Amino acid sequence: MSLVRCSVERHASEILAILNQQIAESTSIYEYHPRELTTMVDWFHHKSKAGIPVVGWMEGEFLAGFASYGSFRVKPAYKYTVEHSVYVKPEFHRRGIGRRLLREITSEAERAGIHVMVGCIDTANTASIRLHVQEGFELSGVVRHAGFKFGRWLDAAFYQKLLPGPTDPREG
């Protein structure tokens, strides 16, 4: 059991499997169709180019979960705000892995000078909401009927956590 930095070569297919299971079976991702491996290669390339970490939790030889972050919005004034994601395989739920991953990706964001972390969580995902609240995230708003999946409307809750951010933030 260990925390690792994920790489495209070692982890892309395992992350793809985690995401595709979530797409097929849950409302944690508001998507309908499975992703392709080429999507993950591009995803890793973008993360690497931008200096964005992808952290994972290994259980023996298997990736039990992962976390990362990305742009919250593409406009330059949002550069100190990121939206993060944490995914854990269902068979590894309730073992504290999500908490470890959330803490690690939050620490990575702090080291990068990020000021605000945002998580968008389906309101039915009470376990993720509880975890975020326990880790100091606060509800900043709910977009009702933001998505439609599995024959019903989905409400998206936004949780945020303020981090120290850069010591000398700049525009531009």
C-alpha atoms as a PDB file:
ATOM      1  CA  MET A   1       0.000   0.000   0.000  1.00  0.00           C
ATOM      2  CA  SER A   2       1.601   3.226  -1.118  1.00  0.00           C
ATOM      3  CA  LEU A   3       1.114   6.633  -2.628  1.00  0.00           C
ATOM      4  CA  VAL A   4       2.683   7.028  -6.095  1.00  0.00           C
ATOM      5  CA  ARG A   5       3.066   9.570  -8.871  1.00  0.00           C
ATOM      6  CA  CYS A   6       1.130   8.126 -11.790  1.00  0.00           C
ATOM      7  CA  SER A   7       2.608   7.877 -15.273  1.00  0.00           C
ATOM      8  CA  VAL A   8       1.057   7.303 -18.659  1.00  0.00           C
ATOM      9  CA  GLU A   9       3.122   4.168 -19.217  1.00  0.00           C
ATOM     10  CA  ARG A  10       2.242   2.500 -15.918  1.00  0.00           C
ATOM     11  CA  HIS A  11      -1.179   3.856 -15.010  1.00  0.00           C
ATOM     12  CA  ALA A  12      -3.114   5.136 -18.052  1.00  0.00           C
ATOM     13  CA  SER A  13      -5.009   1.895 -18.647  1.00  0.00           C
ATOM     14  CA  GLU A  14      -5.844   1.469 -14.945  1.00  0.00           C
ATOM     15  CA  ILE A  15      -7.069   5.068 -14.647  1.00  0.00           C
ATOM     16  CA  LEU A  16      -9.088   4.557 -17.824  1.00  0.00           C
ATOM     17  CA  ALA A  17     -10.735   1.471 -16.289  1.00  0.00           C
ATOM     18  CA  ILE A  18     -11.607   3.397 -13.110  1.00  0.00           C
ATOM     19  CA  LEU A  19     -13.106   6.294 -15.087  1.00  0.00           C
ATOM     20  CA  ASN A  20     -15.042   4.051 -17.460  1.00  0.00           C
ATOM     21  CA  GLN A  21     -16.541   2.117 -14.562  1.00  0.00           C
ATOM     22  CA  GLN A  22     -17.636   5.415 -13.000  1.00  0.00           C
ATOM     23  CA  ILE A  23     -19.115   6.584 -16.307  1.00  0.00           C
ATOM     24  CA  ALA A  24     -21.043   3.323 -16.750  1.00  0.00           C
ATOM     25  CA  GLU A  25     -22.243   2.801 -13.189  1.00  0.00           C
ATOM     26  CA  SER A  26     -22.418   6.111 -11.339  1.00  0.00           C
ATOM     27  CA  THR A  27     -23.244   9.789 -11.465  1.00  0.00           C
ATOM     28  CA  SER A  28     -19.779  10.817 -10.294  1.00  0.00           C
ATOM     29  CA  ILE A  29     -18.948  11.685 -13.925  1.00  0.00           C
ATOM     30  CA  TYR A  30     -21.608  13.352 -16.038  1.00  0.00           C
ATOM     31  CA  GLU A  31     -20.652  11.483 -19.215  1.00  0.00           C
ATOM     32  CA  TYR A  32     -22.490   8.826 -21.206  1.00  0.00           C
ATOM     33  CA  HIS A  33     -19.822   7.003 -23.208  1.00  0.00           C
ATOM     34  CA  PRO A  34     -16.611   5.263 -22.158  1.00  0.00           C
ATOM     35  CA  ARG A  35     -13.354   7.001 -22.908  1.00  0.00           C
ATOM     36  CA  GLU A  36     -10.677   5.603 -25.203  1.00  0.00           C
ATOM     37  CA  LEU A  37      -7.057   4.951 -24.255  1.00  0.00           C
ATOM     38  CA  THR A  38      -5.951   7.738 -26.623  1.00  0.00           C
ATOM     39  CA  THR A  39      -7.962  10.130 -24.460  1.00  0.00           C
ATOM     40  CA  MET A  40      -5.890   9.127 -21.430  1.00  0.00           C
ATOM     41  CA  VAL A  41      -2.617   9.571 -23.315  1.00  0.00           C
ATOM     42  CA  ASP A  42      -3.690  13.103 -24.254  1.00  0.00           C
ATOM     43  CA  TRP A  43      -4.877  13.707 -20.672  1.00  0.00           C
ATOM     44  CA  PHE A  44      -1.504  12.675 -19.238  1.00  0.00           C
ATOM     45  CA  HIS A  45       0.339  14.752 -21.855  1.00  0.00           C
ATOM     46  CA  HIS A  46      -1.658  17.838 -20.882  1.00  0.00           C
ATOM     47  CA  LYS A  47      -1.069  17.212 -17.170  1.00  0.00           C
ATOM     48  CA  SER A  48       2.659  16.719 -17.700  1.00  0.00           C
ATOM     49  CA  LYS A  49       3.020  19.809 -19.889  1.00  0.00           C
ATOM     50  CA  ALA A  50       1.169  21.937 -17.314  1.00  0.00           C
ATOM     51  CA  GLY A  51       3.103  20.481 -14.355  1.00  0.00           C
ATOM     52  CA  ILE A  52      -0.092  19.060 -12.840  1.00  0.00           C
ATOM     53  CA  PRO A  53       0.368  16.001 -10.628  1.00  0.00           C
ATOM     54  CA  VAL A  54      -1.565  12.764 -10.916  1.00  0.00           C
ATOM     55  CA  VAL A  55      -1.278  10.819  -7.674  1.00  0.00           C
ATOM     56  CA  GLY A  56      -2.385   7.264  -7.120  1.00  0.00           C
ATOM     57  CA  TRP A  57      -2.811   4.762  -4.323  1.00  0.00           C
ATOM     58  CA  MET A  58      -1.379   1.324  -5.009  1.00  0.00           C
ATOM     59  CA  GLU A  59      -2.688  -1.791  -3.294  1.00  0.00           C
ATOM     60  CA  GLY A  60       0.006  -4.272  -4.170  1.00  0.00           C
ATOM     61  CA  GLU A  61       0.226  -4.349  -7.969  1.00  0.00           C
ATOM     62  CA  PHE A  62      -3.113  -2.594  -8.499  1.00  0.00           C
ATOM     63  CA  LEU A  63      -4.100   1.059  -8.652  1.00  0.00           C
ATOM     64  CA  ALA A  64      -6.931   1.434  -6.137  1.00  0.00           C
ATOM     65  CA  GLY A  65      -7.600   5.092  -6.899  1.00  0.00           C
ATOM     66  CA  PHE A  66      -6.156   8.341  -8.171  1.00  0.00           C
ATOM     67  CA  ALA A  67      -6.490  12.111  -7.864  1.00  0.00           C
ATOM     68  CA  SER A  68      -5.530  15.120  -9.907  1.00  0.00           C
ATOM     69  CA  TYR A  69      -6.654  18.638 -10.669  1.00  0.00           C
ATOM     70  CA  GLY A  70      -7.012  20.879 -13.675  1.00  0.00           C
ATOM     71  CA  SER A  71      -8.159  24.302 -14.721  1.00  0.00           C
ATOM     72  CA  PHE A  72     -11.359  25.535 -13.153  1.00  0.00           C
ATOM     73  CA  ARG A  73     -11.995  27.885 -16.069  1.00  0.00           C
ATOM     74  CA  VAL A  74      -9.748  28.790 -18.993  1.00  0.00           C
ATOM     75  CA  LYS A  75      -9.763  32.558 -18.444  1.00  0.00           C
ATOM     76  CA  PRO A  76      -6.469  33.893 -17.035  1.00  0.00           C
ATOM     77  CA  ALA A  77      -7.908  35.434 -13.863  1.00  0.00           C
ATOM     78  CA  TYR A  78      -8.858  31.922 -12.676  1.00  0.00           C
ATOM     79  CA  LYS A  79      -5.207  30.789 -12.689  1.00  0.00           C
ATOM     80  CA  TYR A  80      -5.086  30.352  -8.900  1.00  0.00           C
ATOM     81  CA  THR A  81      -8.230  28.177  -8.836  1.00  0.00           C
ATOM     82  CA  VAL A  82      -8.366  24.492  -9.792  1.00  0.00           C
ATOM     83  CA  GLU A  83     -11.024  21.808  -9.973  1.00  0.00           C
ATOM     84  CA  HIS A  84      -9.926  18.489  -8.540  1.00  0.00           C
ATOM     85  CA  SER A  85     -11.052  14.907  -8.921  1.00  0.00           C
ATOM     86  CA  VAL A  86     -10.635  11.882  -6.667  1.00  0.00           C
ATOM     87  CA  TYR A  87     -11.706   8.419  -7.796  1.00  0.00           C
ATOM     88  CA  VAL A  88     -11.433   5.139  -5.894  1.00  0.00           C
ATOM     89  CA  LYS A  89     -12.433   1.729  -7.231  1.00  0.00           C
ATOM     90  CA  PRO A  90     -15.643   0.591  -5.485  1.00  0.00           C
ATOM     91  CA  GLU A  91     -13.998  -2.519  -4.027  1.00  0.00           C
ATOM     92  CA  PHE A  92     -11.575  -0.221  -2.162  1.00  0.00           C
ATOM     93  CA  HIS A  93     -14.188   2.170  -0.734  1.00  0.00           C
ATOM     94  CA  ARG A  94     -14.323   2.859   3.010  1.00  0.00           C
ATOM     95  CA  ARG A  95     -10.612   2.195   3.570  1.00  0.00           C
ATOM     96  CA  GLY A  96      -9.443   5.816   3.817  1.00  0.00           C
ATOM     97  CA  ILE A  97      -7.909   5.841   0.330  1.00  0.00           C
ATOM     98  CA  GLY A  98     -10.051   8.734  -0.898  1.00  0.00           C
ATOM     99  CA  ARG A  99      -9.008  10.780   2.134  1.00  0.00           C
ATOM    100  CA  ARG A 100      -5.300  10.040   1.535  1.00  0.00           C
ATOM    101  CA  LEU A 101      -5.625  10.996  -2.112  1.00  0.00           C
ATOM    102  CA  LEU A 102      -7.572  14.179  -1.353  1.00  0.00           C
ATOM    103  CA  ARG A 103      -5.005  15.241   1.248  1.00  0.00           C
ATOM    104  CA  GLU A 104      -2.129  14.545  -1.140  1.00  0.00           C
ATOM    105  CA  ILE A 105      -3.628  16.424  -4.085  1.00  0.00           C
ATOM    106  CA  THR A 106      -4.458  19.327  -1.749  1.00  0.00           C
ATOM    107  CA  SER A 107      -0.822  19.393  -0.565  1.00  0.00           C
ATOM    108  CA  GLU A 108       0.338  19.342  -4.188  1.00  0.00           C
ATOM    109  CA  ALA A 109      -1.957  22.290  -4.966  1.00  0.00           C
ATOM    110  CA  GLU A 110      -0.614  24.212  -1.969  1.00  0.00           C
ATOM    111  CA  ARG A 111       2.974  23.647  -3.135  1.00  0.00           C
ATOM    112  CA  ALA A 112       1.967  24.913  -6.588  1.00  0.00           C
ATOM    113  CA  GLY A 113       0.624  28.175  -5.145  1.00  0.00           C
ATOM    114  CA  ILE A 114      -3.027  27.401  -5.799  1.00  0.00           C
ATOM    115  CA  HIS A 115      -5.447  29.516  -3.757  1.00  0.00           C
ATOM    116  CA  VAL A 116      -8.810  27.774  -4.299  1.00  0.00           C
ATOM    117  CA  MET A 117      -9.631  24.100  -4.828  1.00  0.00           C
ATOM    118  CA  VAL A 118     -13.087  23.277  -6.157  1.00  0.00           C
ATOM    119  CA  GLY A 119     -14.786  19.900  -6.243  1.00  0.00           C
ATOM    120  CA  CYS A 120     -17.981  19.344  -8.226  1.00  0.00           C
ATOM    121  CA  ILE A 121     -19.910  16.518  -6.568  1.00  0.00           C
ATOM    122  CA  ASP A 122     -23.247  14.995  -7.503  1.00  0.00           C
ATOM    123  CA  THR A 123     -25.551  15.736  -4.566  1.00  0.00           C
ATOM    124  CA  ALA A 124     -26.453  12.042  -4.279  1.00  0.00           C
ATOM    125  CA  ASN A 125     -22.792  11.212  -3.548  1.00  0.00           C
ATOM    126  CA  THR A 126     -23.074  11.701   0.209  1.00  0.00           C
ATOM    127  CA  ALA A 127     -19.823   9.842   0.952  1.00  0.00           C
ATOM    128  CA  SER A 128     -17.792  12.257  -1.178  1.00  0.00           C
ATOM    129  CA  ILE A 129     -19.619  15.255   0.270  1.00  0.00           C
ATOM    130  CA  ARG A 130     -18.940  14.022   3.813  1.00  0.00           C
ATOM    131  CA  LEU A 131     -15.250  13.479   3.009  1.00  0.00           C
ATOM    132  CA  HIS A 132     -14.870  16.954   1.545  1.00  0.00           C
ATOM    133  CA  VAL A 133     -16.587  18.613   4.511  1.00  0.00           C
ATOM    134  CA  GLN A 134     -14.385  16.647   6.940  1.00  0.00           C
ATOM    135  CA  GLU A 135     -11.333  17.858   5.003  1.00  0.00           C
ATOM    136  CA  GLY A 136     -12.319  21.523   5.306  1.00  0.00           C
ATOM    137  CA  PHE A 137     -14.226  22.097   2.076  1.00  0.00           C
ATOM    138  CA  GLU A 138     -17.330  24.265   2.236  1.00  0.00           C
ATOM    139  CA  LEU A 139     -20.430  24.210   0.067  1.00  0.00           C
ATOM    140  CA  SER A 140     -20.283  27.172  -2.294  1.00  0.00           C
ATOM    141  CA  GLY A 141     -23.393  26.403  -4.357  1.00  0.00           C
ATOM    142  CA  VAL A 142     -25.596  23.862  -6.076  1.00  0.00           C
ATOM    143  CA  VAL A 143     -26.564  23.902  -9.732  1.00  0.00           C
ATOM    144  CA  ARG A 144     -29.912  22.152  -9.866  1.00  0.00           C
ATOM    145  CA  HIS A 145     -30.575  19.902 -12.843  1.00  0.00           C
ATOM    146  CA  ALA A 146     -27.039  20.492 -14.121  1.00  0.00           C
ATOM    147  CA  GLY A 147     -26.954  17.075 -15.787  1.00  0.00           C
ATOM    148  CA  PHE A 148     -29.245  14.347 -17.048  1.00  0.00           C
ATOM    149  CA  LYS A 149     -28.165  10.721 -16.728  1.00  0.00           C
ATOM    150  CA  PHE A 150     -29.840   7.377 -16.004  1.00  0.00           C
ATOM    151  CA  GLY A 151     -33.224   8.916 -16.799  1.00  0.00           C
ATOM    152  CA  ARG A 152     -33.123  11.626 -14.146  1.00  0.00           C
ATOM    153  CA  TRP A 153     -31.916  15.162 -13.506  1.00  0.00           C
ATOM    154  CA  LEU A 154     -28.723  15.509 -11.496  1.00  0.00           C
ATOM    155  CA  ASP A 155     -27.787  18.318  -9.134  1.00  0.00           C
ATOM    156  CA  ALA A 156     -24.119  19.355  -8.998  1.00  0.00           C
ATOM    157  CA  ALA A 157     -22.781  20.705  -5.699  1.00  0.00           C
ATOM    158  CA  PHE A 158     -19.617  22.784  -5.675  1.00  0.00           C
ATOM    159  CA  TYR A 159     -17.370  22.495  -2.631  1.00  0.00           C
ATOM    160  CA  GLN A 160     -14.351  24.730  -2.198  1.00  0.00           C
ATOM    161  CA  LYS A 161     -11.359  25.049   0.074  1.00  0.00           C
ATOM    162  CA  LEU A 162      -9.220  28.146   0.391  1.00  0.00           C
ATOM    163  CA  LEU A 163      -5.478  27.494   0.437  1.00  0.00           C
ATOM    164  CA  PRO A 164      -2.726  29.988   1.262  1.00  0.00           C
ATOM    165  CA  GLY A 165      -2.059  30.588  -2.432  1.00  0.00           C
ATOM    166  CA  PRO A 166       0.855  32.559  -3.818  1.00  0.00           C
ATOM    167  CA  THR A 167       2.606  35.045  -1.560  1.00  0.00           C
ATOM    168  CA  ASP A 168       2.614  37.610  -4.368  1.00  0.00           C
ATOM    169  CA  PRO A 169      -0.302  36.965  -6.746  1.00  0.00           C
ATOM    170  CA  ARG A 170      -0.165  38.746 -10.070  1.00  0.00           C
ATOM    171  CA  GLU A 171      -2.537  39.524 -12.878  1.00  0.00           C
ATOM    172  CA  GLY A 172      -1.778  38.389 -16.386  1.00  0.00           C
END
